[in-house]
PDB file of all heavy atoms in Angstrom:
ATOM      1  N   TYR A   1      21.541 -10.915 -93.056  1.00  0.00           N
ATOM      2  CA  TYR A   1      21.686 -10.044 -94.229  1.00  0.00           C
ATOM      3  C   TYR A   1      21.998  -8.603 -93.838  1.00  0.00           C
ATOM      4  O   TYR A   1      22.945  -7.998 -94.336  1.00  0.00           O
ATOM      5  CB  TYR A   1      20.410 -10.101 -95.072  1.00  0.00           C
ATOM      6  CG  TYR A   1      20.342  -9.044 -96.148  1.00  0.00           C
ATOM      7  CD1 TYR A   1      21.129  -9.143 -97.294  1.00  0.00           C
ATOM      8  CD2 TYR A   1      19.495  -7.940 -96.031  1.00  0.00           C
ATOM      9  CE1 TYR A   1      21.075  -8.180 -98.288  1.00  0.00           C
ATOM     10  CE2 TYR A   1      19.440  -6.974 -97.011  1.00  0.00           C
ATOM     11  CZ  TYR A   1      20.226  -7.090 -98.138  1.00  0.00           C
ATOM     12  OH  TYR A   1      20.177  -6.124 -99.117  1.00  0.00           O
ATOM     13  N   TYR A   2      21.216  -8.044 -92.933  1.00  0.00           N
ATOM     14  CA  TYR A   2      21.367  -6.628 -92.612  1.00  0.00           C
ATOM     15  C   TYR A   2      22.728  -6.327 -92.001  1.00  0.00           C
ATOM     16  O   TYR A   2      23.411  -5.367 -92.373  1.00  0.00           O
ATOM     17  CB  TYR A   2      20.246  -6.186 -91.660  1.00  0.00           C
ATOM     18  CG  TYR A   2      18.872  -6.316 -92.272  1.00  0.00           C
ATOM     19  CD1 TYR A   2      18.079  -7.435 -92.038  1.00  0.00           C
ATOM     20  CD2 TYR A   2      18.382  -5.324 -93.112  1.00  0.00           C
ATOM     21  CE1 TYR A   2      16.835  -7.568 -92.620  1.00  0.00           C
ATOM     22  CE2 TYR A   2      17.127  -5.439 -93.701  1.00  0.00           C
ATOM     23  CZ  TYR A   2      16.358  -6.569 -93.450  1.00  0.00           C
ATOM     24  OH  TYR A   2      15.136  -6.696 -94.040  1.00  0.00           O
ATOM     25  N   ALA A   3      23.144  -7.143 -91.032  1.00  0.00           N
ATOM     26  CA  ALA A   3      24.436  -6.926 -90.402  1.00  0.00           C
ATOM     27  C   ALA A   3      25.581  -7.155 -91.393  1.00  0.00           C
ATOM     28  O   ALA A   3      26.599  -6.455 -91.355  1.00  0.00           O
ATOM     29  CB  ALA A   3      24.594  -7.843 -89.196  1.00  0.00           C
ATOM     30  N   SER A   4      25.423  -8.123 -92.298  1.00  0.00           N
ATOM     31  CA  SER A   4      26.464  -8.392 -93.291  1.00  0.00           C
ATOM     32  C   SER A   4      26.630  -7.212 -94.240  1.00  0.00           C
ATOM     33  O   SER A   4      27.757  -6.827 -94.592  1.00  0.00           O
ATOM     34  CB  SER A   4      26.139  -9.666 -94.076  1.00  0.00           C
ATOM     35  OG  SER A   4      26.353 -10.823 -93.297  1.00  0.00           O
ATOM     36  N   VAL A   5      25.511  -6.639 -94.689  1.00  0.00           N
ATOM     37  CA  VAL A   5      25.582  -5.466 -95.566  1.00  0.00           C
ATOM     38  C   VAL A   5      26.204  -4.287 -94.828  1.00  0.00           C
ATOM     39  O   VAL A   5      27.028  -3.546 -95.374  1.00  0.00           O
ATOM     40  CB  VAL A   5      24.176  -5.113 -96.103  1.00  0.00           C
ATOM     41  CG1 VAL A   5      24.188  -3.748 -96.790  1.00  0.00           C
ATOM     42  CG2 VAL A   5      23.699  -6.183 -97.082  1.00  0.00           C
ATOM     43  N   PHE A   6      25.796  -4.102 -93.571  1.00  0.00           N
ATOM     44  CA  PHE A   6      26.351  -3.038 -92.739  1.00  0.00           C
ATOM     45  C   PHE A   6      27.873  -3.198 -92.654  1.00  0.00           C
ATOM     46  O   PHE A   6      28.636  -2.245 -92.859  1.00  0.00           O
ATOM     47  CB  PHE A   6      25.724  -3.126 -91.344  1.00  0.00           C
ATOM     48  CG  PHE A   6      25.888  -1.888 -90.508  1.00  0.00           C
ATOM     49  CD1 PHE A   6      24.888  -0.931 -90.447  1.00  0.00           C
ATOM     50  CD2 PHE A   6      27.039  -1.683 -89.765  1.00  0.00           C
ATOM     51  CE1 PHE A   6      25.034   0.199 -89.667  1.00  0.00           C
ATOM     52  CE2 PHE A   6      27.198  -0.552 -88.983  1.00  0.00           C
ATOM     53  CZ  PHE A   6      26.185   0.403 -88.935  1.00  0.00           C
ATOM     54  N   TYR A   7      28.329  -4.411 -92.360  1.00  0.00           N
ATOM     55  CA  TYR A   7      29.759  -4.699 -92.280  1.00  0.00           C
ATOM     56  C   TYR A   7      30.450  -4.446 -93.623  1.00  0.00           C
ATOM     57  O   TYR A   7      31.539  -3.847 -93.677  1.00  0.00           O
ATOM     58  CB  TYR A   7      29.976  -6.147 -91.853  1.00  0.00           C
ATOM     59  CG  TYR A   7      31.387  -6.643 -92.046  1.00  0.00           C
ATOM     60  CD1 TYR A   7      32.371  -6.402 -91.089  1.00  0.00           C
ATOM     61  CD2 TYR A   7      31.739  -7.343 -93.195  1.00  0.00           C
ATOM     62  CE1 TYR A   7      33.667  -6.843 -91.276  1.00  0.00           C
ATOM     63  CE2 TYR A   7      33.039  -7.787 -93.391  1.00  0.00           C
ATOM     64  CZ  TYR A   7      34.001  -7.534 -92.437  1.00  0.00           C
ATOM     65  OH  TYR A   7      35.290  -7.960 -92.631  1.00  0.00           O
ATOM     66  N   ALA A   8      29.832  -4.898 -94.721  1.00  0.00           N
ATOM     67  CA  ALA A   8      30.452  -4.776 -96.046  1.00  0.00           C
ATOM     68  C   ALA A   8      30.666  -3.317 -96.433  1.00  0.00           C
ATOM     69  O   ALA A   8      31.643  -2.997 -97.120  1.00  0.00           O
ATOM     70  CB  ALA A   8      29.599  -5.483 -97.093  1.00  0.00           C
ATOM     71  N   TYR A   9      29.771  -2.437 -96.004  1.00  0.00           N
ATOM     72  CA  TYR A   9      29.964  -1.016 -96.286  1.00  0.00           C
ATOM     73  C   TYR A   9      31.271  -0.525 -95.669  1.00  0.00           C
ATOM     74  O   TYR A   9      32.057   0.178 -96.316  1.00  0.00           O
ATOM     75  CB  TYR A   9      28.794  -0.195 -95.738  1.00  0.00           C
ATOM     76  CG  TYR A   9      27.743   0.129 -96.776  1.00  0.00           C
ATOM     77  CD1 TYR A   9      26.488  -0.441 -96.731  1.00  0.00           C
ATOM     78  CD2 TYR A   9      28.025   1.023 -97.813  1.00  0.00           C
ATOM     79  CE1 TYR A   9      25.522  -0.146 -97.680  1.00  0.00           C
ATOM     80  CE2 TYR A   9      27.062   1.324 -98.769  1.00  0.00           C
ATOM     81  CZ  TYR A   9      25.812   0.741 -98.698  1.00  0.00           C
ATOM     82  OH  TYR A   9      24.876   1.037 -99.649  1.00  0.00           O
ATOM     83  N   PHE A  10      31.520  -0.878 -94.418  1.00  0.00           N
ATOM     84  CA  PHE A  10      32.741  -0.451 -93.745  1.00  0.00           C
ATOM     85  C   PHE A  10      33.969  -1.128 -94.366  1.00  0.00           C
ATOM     86  O   PHE A  10      35.002  -0.495 -94.606  1.00  0.00           O
ATOM     87  CB  PHE A  10      32.662  -0.776 -92.255  1.00  0.00           C
ATOM     88  CG  PHE A  10      31.758   0.132 -91.473  1.00  0.00           C
ATOM     89  CD1 PHE A  10      30.384  -0.078 -91.445  1.00  0.00           C
ATOM     90  CD2 PHE A  10      32.265   1.199 -90.761  1.00  0.00           C
ATOM     91  CE1 PHE A  10      29.544   0.754 -90.725  1.00  0.00           C
ATOM     92  CE2 PHE A  10      31.438   2.038 -90.030  1.00  0.00           C
ATOM     93  CZ  PHE A  10      30.068   1.821 -90.015  1.00  0.00           C
ATOM     94  N   ALA A  11      33.865  -2.438 -94.629  1.00  0.00           N
ATOM     95  CA  ALA A  11      34.995  -3.184 -95.184  1.00  0.00           C
ATOM     96  C   ALA A  11      35.346  -2.717 -96.592  1.00  0.00           C
ATOM     97  O   ALA A  11      36.523  -2.718 -96.988  1.00  0.00           O
ATOM     98  CB  ALA A  11      34.678  -4.677 -95.189  1.00  0.00           C
ATOM     99  N   SER A  12      34.344  -2.306 -97.366  1.00  0.00           N
ATOM    100  CA  SER A  12      34.602  -1.859 -98.735  1.00  0.00           C
ATOM    101  C   SER A  12      35.402  -0.563 -98.773  1.00  0.00           C
ATOM    102  O   SER A  12      35.937  -0.191 -99.823  1.00  0.00           O
ATOM    103  CB  SER A  12      33.281  -1.678 -99.486  1.00  0.00           C
ATOM    104  OG  SER A  12      32.531  -0.593 -98.949  1.00  0.00           O
ATOM    105  N   LEU A  13      35.479   0.129 -97.640  1.00  0.00           N
ATOM    106  CA  LEU A  13      36.320   1.323 -97.527  1.00  0.00           C
ATOM    107  C   LEU A  13      37.729   0.982 -97.052  1.00  0.00           C
ATOM    108  O   LEU A  13      38.573   1.858 -96.905  1.00  0.00           O
ATOM    109  CB  LEU A  13      35.685   2.326 -96.553  1.00  0.00           C
ATOM    110  CG  LEU A  13      34.397   3.003 -97.024  1.00  0.00           C
ATOM    111  CD1 LEU A  13      33.758   3.778 -95.889  1.00  0.00           C
ATOM    112  CD2 LEU A  13      34.661   3.909 -98.211  1.00  0.00           C
ATOM    113  N   GLY A  14      37.962  -0.301 -96.780  1.00  0.00           N
ATOM    114  CA  GLY A  14      39.279  -0.731 -96.321  1.00  0.00           C
ATOM    115  C   GLY A  14      39.572  -0.345 -94.890  1.00  0.00           C
ATOM    116  O   GLY A  14      40.733  -0.272 -94.482  1.00  0.00           O
ATOM    117  N   LEU A  15      38.528  -0.117 -94.093  1.00  0.00           N
ATOM    118  CA  LEU A  15      38.723   0.320 -92.711  1.00  0.00           C
ATOM    119  C   LEU A  15      39.210  -0.835 -91.835  1.00  0.00           C
ATOM    120  O   LEU A  15      39.010  -2.009 -92.158  1.00  0.00           O
ATOM    121  CB  LEU A  15      37.412   0.892 -92.160  1.00  0.00           C
ATOM    122  CG  LEU A  15      36.865   2.122 -92.908  1.00  0.00           C
ATOM    123  CD1 LEU A  15      35.556   2.583 -92.286  1.00  0.00           C
ATOM    124  CD2 LEU A  15      37.891   3.253 -92.897  1.00  0.00           C
ATOM    125  N   ASP A  16      39.816  -0.472 -90.710  1.00  0.00           N
ATOM    126  CA  ASP A  16      40.427  -1.449 -89.803  1.00  0.00           C
ATOM    127  C   ASP A  16      39.347  -2.062 -88.904  1.00  0.00           C
ATOM    128  O   ASP A  16      39.055  -1.559 -87.827  1.00  0.00           O
ATOM    129  CB  ASP A  16      41.503  -0.761 -88.963  1.00  0.00           C
ATOM    130  CG  ASP A  16      42.240  -1.719 -88.032  1.00  0.00           C
ATOM    131  OD1 ASP A  16      41.987  -2.931 -88.118  1.00  0.00           O
ATOM    132  OD2 ASP A  16      43.055  -1.240 -87.219  1.00  0.00           O
ATOM    133  N   LEU A  17      38.771  -3.150 -89.371  1.00  0.00           N
ATOM    134  CA  LEU A  17      37.697  -3.827 -88.638  1.00  0.00           C
ATOM    135  C   LEU A  17      38.226  -5.092 -87.977  1.00  0.00           C
ATOM    136  O   LEU A  17      39.069  -5.791 -88.536  1.00  0.00           O
ATOM    137  CB  LEU A  17      36.553  -4.208 -89.584  1.00  0.00           C
ATOM    138  CG  LEU A  17      35.832  -3.075 -90.308  1.00  0.00           C
ATOM    139  CD1 LEU A  17      34.788  -3.650 -91.256  1.00  0.00           C
ATOM    140  CD2 LEU A  17      35.180  -2.128 -89.331  1.00  0.00           C
ATOM    141  N   THR A  18      37.685  -5.387 -86.809  1.00  0.00           N
ATOM    142  CA  THR A  18      37.954  -6.671 -86.150  1.00  0.00           C
ATOM    143  C   THR A  18      36.612  -7.326 -85.881  1.00  0.00           C
ATOM    144  O   THR A  18      35.979  -7.087 -84.852  1.00  0.00           O
ATOM    145  CB  THR A  18      38.715  -6.486 -84.825  1.00  0.00           C
ATOM    146  OG1 THR A  18      39.908  -5.737 -85.065  1.00  0.00           O
ATOM    147  CG2 THR A  18      39.074  -7.838 -84.224  1.00  0.00           C
ATOM    148  N   PRO A  19      36.131  -8.116 -86.829  1.00  0.00           N
ATOM    149  CA  PRO A  19      34.860  -8.805 -86.596  1.00  0.00           C
ATOM    150  C   PRO A  19      35.065 -10.031 -85.732  1.00  0.00           C
ATOM    151  O   PRO A  19      36.073 -10.739 -85.855  1.00  0.00           O
ATOM    152  CB  PRO A  19      34.424  -9.196 -88.012  1.00  0.00           C
ATOM    153  CG  PRO A  19      35.702  -9.341 -88.761  1.00  0.00           C
ATOM    154  CD  PRO A  19      36.675  -8.365 -88.156  1.00  0.00           C
ATOM    155  N   GLU A  20      34.139 -10.282 -84.847  1.00  0.00           N
ATOM    156  CA  GLU A  20      34.182 -11.475 -84.018  1.00  0.00           C
ATOM    157  C   GLU A  20      33.100 -12.430 -84.512  1.00  0.00           C
ATOM    158  O   GLU A  20      32.506 -12.228 -85.557  1.00  0.00           O
ATOM    159  CB  GLU A  20      33.934 -11.095 -82.545  1.00  0.00           C
ATOM    160  CG  GLU A  20      34.898 -10.063 -81.992  1.00  0.00           C
ATOM    161  CD  GLU A  20      36.283 -10.623 -81.709  1.00  0.00           C
ATOM    162  OE1 GLU A  20      36.412 -11.867 -81.708  1.00  0.00           O
ATOM    163  OE2 GLU A  20      37.210  -9.831 -81.505  1.00  0.00           O
ATOM    164  N   GLU A  21      32.839 -13.452 -83.722  1.00  0.00           N
ATOM    165  CA  GLU A  21      31.742 -14.345 -84.060  1.00  0.00           C
ATOM    166  C   GLU A  21      30.424 -13.625 -83.836  1.00  0.00           C
ATOM    167  O   GLU A  21      30.344 -12.630 -83.112  1.00  0.00           O
ATOM    168  CB  GLU A  21      31.809 -15.614 -83.211  1.00  0.00           C
ATOM    169  CG  GLU A  21      33.020 -16.473 -83.523  1.00  0.00           C
ATOM    170  CD  GLU A  21      33.060 -17.746 -82.714  1.00  0.00           C
ATOM    171  OE1 GLU A  21      32.222 -17.877 -81.804  1.00  0.00           O
ATOM    172  OE2 GLU A  21      33.911 -18.587 -82.983  1.00  0.00           O
ATOM    173  N   SER A  22      29.352 -14.147 -84.447  1.00  0.00           N
ATOM    174  CA  SER A  22      28.053 -13.496 -84.334  1.00  0.00           C
ATOM    175  C   SER A  22      27.575 -13.476 -82.887  1.00  0.00           C
ATOM    176  O   SER A  22      28.045 -14.221 -82.039  1.00  0.00           O
ATOM    177  CB  SER A  22      27.026 -14.223 -85.214  1.00  0.00           C
ATOM    178  OG  SER A  22      26.987 -15.594 -84.900  1.00  0.00           O
ATOM    179  N   SER A  23      26.618 -12.625 -82.589  1.00  0.00           N
ATOM    180  CA  SER A  23      26.217 -12.359 -81.213  1.00  0.00           C
ATOM    181  C   SER A  23      25.693 -13.580 -80.472  1.00  0.00           C
ATOM    182  O   SER A  23      25.782 -13.647 -79.255  1.00  0.00           O
ATOM    183  CB  SER A  23      25.164 -11.253 -81.175  1.00  0.00           C
ATOM    184  OG  SER A  23      24.039 -11.605 -81.954  1.00  0.00           O
ATOM    185  N   ASN A  24      25.155 -14.545 -81.173  1.00  0.00           N
ATOM    186  CA  ASN A  24      24.638 -15.719 -80.461  1.00  0.00           C
ATOM    187  C   ASN A  24      25.766 -16.591 -79.905  1.00  0.00           C
ATOM    188  O   ASN A  24      25.517 -17.545 -79.185  1.00  0.00           O
ATOM    189  CB  ASN A  24      23.711 -16.548 -81.366  1.00  0.00           C
ATOM    190  CG  ASN A  24      24.436 -17.131 -82.556  1.00  0.00           C
ATOM    191  OD1 ASN A  24      25.524 -16.671 -82.895  1.00  0.00           O
ATOM    192  ND2 ASN A  24      23.850 -18.105 -83.205  1.00  0.00           N
ATOM    193  N   HIS A  25      27.041 -16.233 -80.233  1.00  0.00           N
ATOM    194  CA  HIS A  25      28.182 -16.902 -79.614  1.00  0.00           C
ATOM    195  C   HIS A  25      28.713 -16.081 -78.436  1.00  0.00           C
ATOM    196  O   HIS A  25      29.736 -16.438 -77.852  1.00  0.00           O
ATOM    197  CB  HIS A  25      29.307 -17.099 -80.643  1.00  0.00           C
ATOM    198  CG  HIS A  25      28.974 -18.121 -81.688  1.00  0.00           C
ATOM    199  ND1 HIS A  25      28.455 -17.786 -82.908  1.00  0.00           N
ATOM    200  CD2 HIS A  25      29.072 -19.468 -81.681  1.00  0.00           C
ATOM    201  CE1 HIS A  25      28.256 -18.885 -83.622  1.00  0.00           C
ATOM    202  NE2 HIS A  25      28.626 -19.920 -82.899  1.00  0.00           N
ATOM    203  N   GLY A  26      28.034 -14.980 -78.165  1.00  0.00           N
ATOM    204  CA  GLY A  26      28.403 -14.195 -77.006  1.00  0.00           C
ATOM    205  C   GLY A  26      29.596 -13.286 -77.210  1.00  0.00           C
ATOM    206  O   GLY A  26      30.274 -12.938 -76.244  1.00  0.00           O
ATOM    207  N   ARG A  27      29.894 -12.883 -78.426  1.00  0.00           N
ATOM    208  CA  ARG A  27      31.025 -12.005 -78.675  1.00  0.00           C
ATOM    209  C   ARG A  27      30.562 -10.748 -79.404  1.00  0.00           C
ATOM    210  O   ARG A  27      29.546 -10.749 -80.085  1.00  0.00           O
ATOM    211  CB  ARG A  27      32.099 -12.717 -79.511  1.00  0.00           C
ATOM    212  CG  ARG A  27      32.734 -13.887 -78.794  1.00  0.00           C
ATOM    213  CD  ARG A  27      33.886 -14.439 -79.604  1.00  0.00           C
ATOM    214  NE  ARG A  27      34.497 -15.598 -78.955  1.00  0.00           N
ATOM    215  CZ  ARG A  27      35.526 -16.268 -79.457  1.00  0.00           C
ATOM    216  NH1 ARG A  27      36.064 -15.894 -80.594  1.00  0.00           N
ATOM    217  NH2 ARG A  27      36.013 -17.309 -78.815  1.00  0.00           N
ATOM    218  N   LEU A  28      31.366  -9.707 -79.258  1.00  0.00           N
ATOM    219  CA  LEU A  28      31.076  -8.464 -79.944  1.00  0.00           C
ATOM    220  C   LEU A  28      31.052  -8.700 -81.451  1.00  0.00           C
ATOM    221  O   LEU A  28      31.897  -9.398 -81.993  1.00  0.00           O
ATOM    222  CB  LEU A  28      32.160  -7.437 -79.602  1.00  0.00           C
ATOM    223  CG  LEU A  28      32.057  -6.069 -80.275  1.00  0.00           C
ATOM    224  CD1 LEU A  28      30.885  -5.298 -79.686  1.00  0.00           C
ATOM    225  CD2 LEU A  28      33.367  -5.297 -80.083  1.00  0.00           C
ATOM    226  N   ASP A  29      30.094  -8.084 -82.111  1.00  0.00           N
ATOM    227  CA  ASP A  29      29.969  -8.319 -83.551  1.00  0.00           C
ATOM    228  C   ASP A  29      31.066  -7.637 -84.360  1.00  0.00           C
ATOM    229  O   ASP A  29      31.600  -8.212 -85.300  1.00  0.00           O
ATOM    230  CB  ASP A  29      28.605  -7.832 -84.045  1.00  0.00           C
ATOM    231  CG  ASP A  29      27.497  -8.813 -83.701  1.00  0.00           C
ATOM    232  OD1 ASP A  29      27.797 -10.005 -83.571  1.00  0.00           O
ATOM    233  OD2 ASP A  29      26.348  -8.390 -83.561  1.00  0.00           O
ATOM    234  N   MET A  30      31.427  -6.394 -83.988  1.00  0.00           N
ATOM    235  CA  MET A  30      32.396  -5.689 -84.824  1.00  0.00           C
ATOM    236  C   MET A  30      33.069  -4.556 -84.056  1.00  0.00           C
ATOM    237  O   MET A  30      32.397  -3.778 -83.374  1.00  0.00           O
ATOM    238  CB  MET A  30      31.695  -5.113 -86.064  1.00  0.00           C
ATOM    239  CG  MET A  30      32.631  -4.509 -87.100  1.00  0.00           C
ATOM    240  SD  MET A  30      31.735  -4.041 -88.609  1.00  0.00           S
ATOM    241  CE  MET A  30      31.154  -2.398 -88.148  1.00  0.00           C
ATOM    242  N   ALA A  31      34.391  -4.493 -84.151  1.00  0.00           N
ATOM    243  CA  ALA A  31      35.155  -3.382 -83.598  1.00  0.00           C
ATOM    244  C   ALA A  31      35.838  -2.652 -84.747  1.00  0.00           C
ATOM    245  O   ALA A  31      36.391  -3.280 -85.658  1.00  0.00           O
ATOM    246  CB  ALA A  31      36.195  -3.877 -82.596  1.00  0.00           C
ATOM    247  N   LEU A  32      35.781  -1.313 -84.698  1.00  0.00           N
ATOM    248  CA  LEU A  32      36.390  -0.486 -85.730  1.00  0.00           C
ATOM    249  C   LEU A  32      37.394   0.460 -85.081  1.00  0.00           C
ATOM    250  O   LEU A  32      37.067   1.155 -84.106  1.00  0.00           O
ATOM    251  CB  LEU A  32      35.314   0.333 -86.457  1.00  0.00           C
ATOM    252  CG  LEU A  32      35.798   1.509 -87.315  1.00  0.00           C
ATOM    253  CD1 LEU A  32      36.602   1.007 -88.512  1.00  0.00           C
ATOM    254  CD2 LEU A  32      34.604   2.344 -87.782  1.00  0.00           C
ATOM    255  N   ARG A  33      38.608   0.465 -85.600  1.00  0.00           N
ATOM    256  CA  ARG A  33      39.613   1.450 -85.186  1.00  0.00           C
ATOM    257  C   ARG A  33      39.755   2.456 -86.319  1.00  0.00           C
ATOM    258  O   ARG A  33      40.129   2.098 -87.440  1.00  0.00           O
ATOM    259  CB  ARG A  33      40.948   0.766 -84.900  1.00  0.00           C
ATOM    260  CG  ARG A  33      40.942  -0.109 -83.657  1.00  0.00           C
ATOM    261  CD  ARG A  33      42.254  -0.855 -83.485  1.00  0.00           C
ATOM    262  NE  ARG A  33      42.311  -1.597 -82.239  1.00  0.00           N
ATOM    263  CZ  ARG A  33      41.780  -2.807 -82.054  1.00  0.00           C
ATOM    264  NH1 ARG A  33      41.140  -3.407 -83.062  1.00  0.00           N
ATOM    265  NH2 ARG A  33      41.866  -3.425 -80.892  1.00  0.00           N
TER     266      ARG A  33
END
């Protein structure tokens, strides 16, 4: 929930996000340019 809300705040601004798989898959959670 917390990470999803955090992500939604950035996405709701239309920012250039590159979300990966969640951390338990061993990948970065979110990249923002």
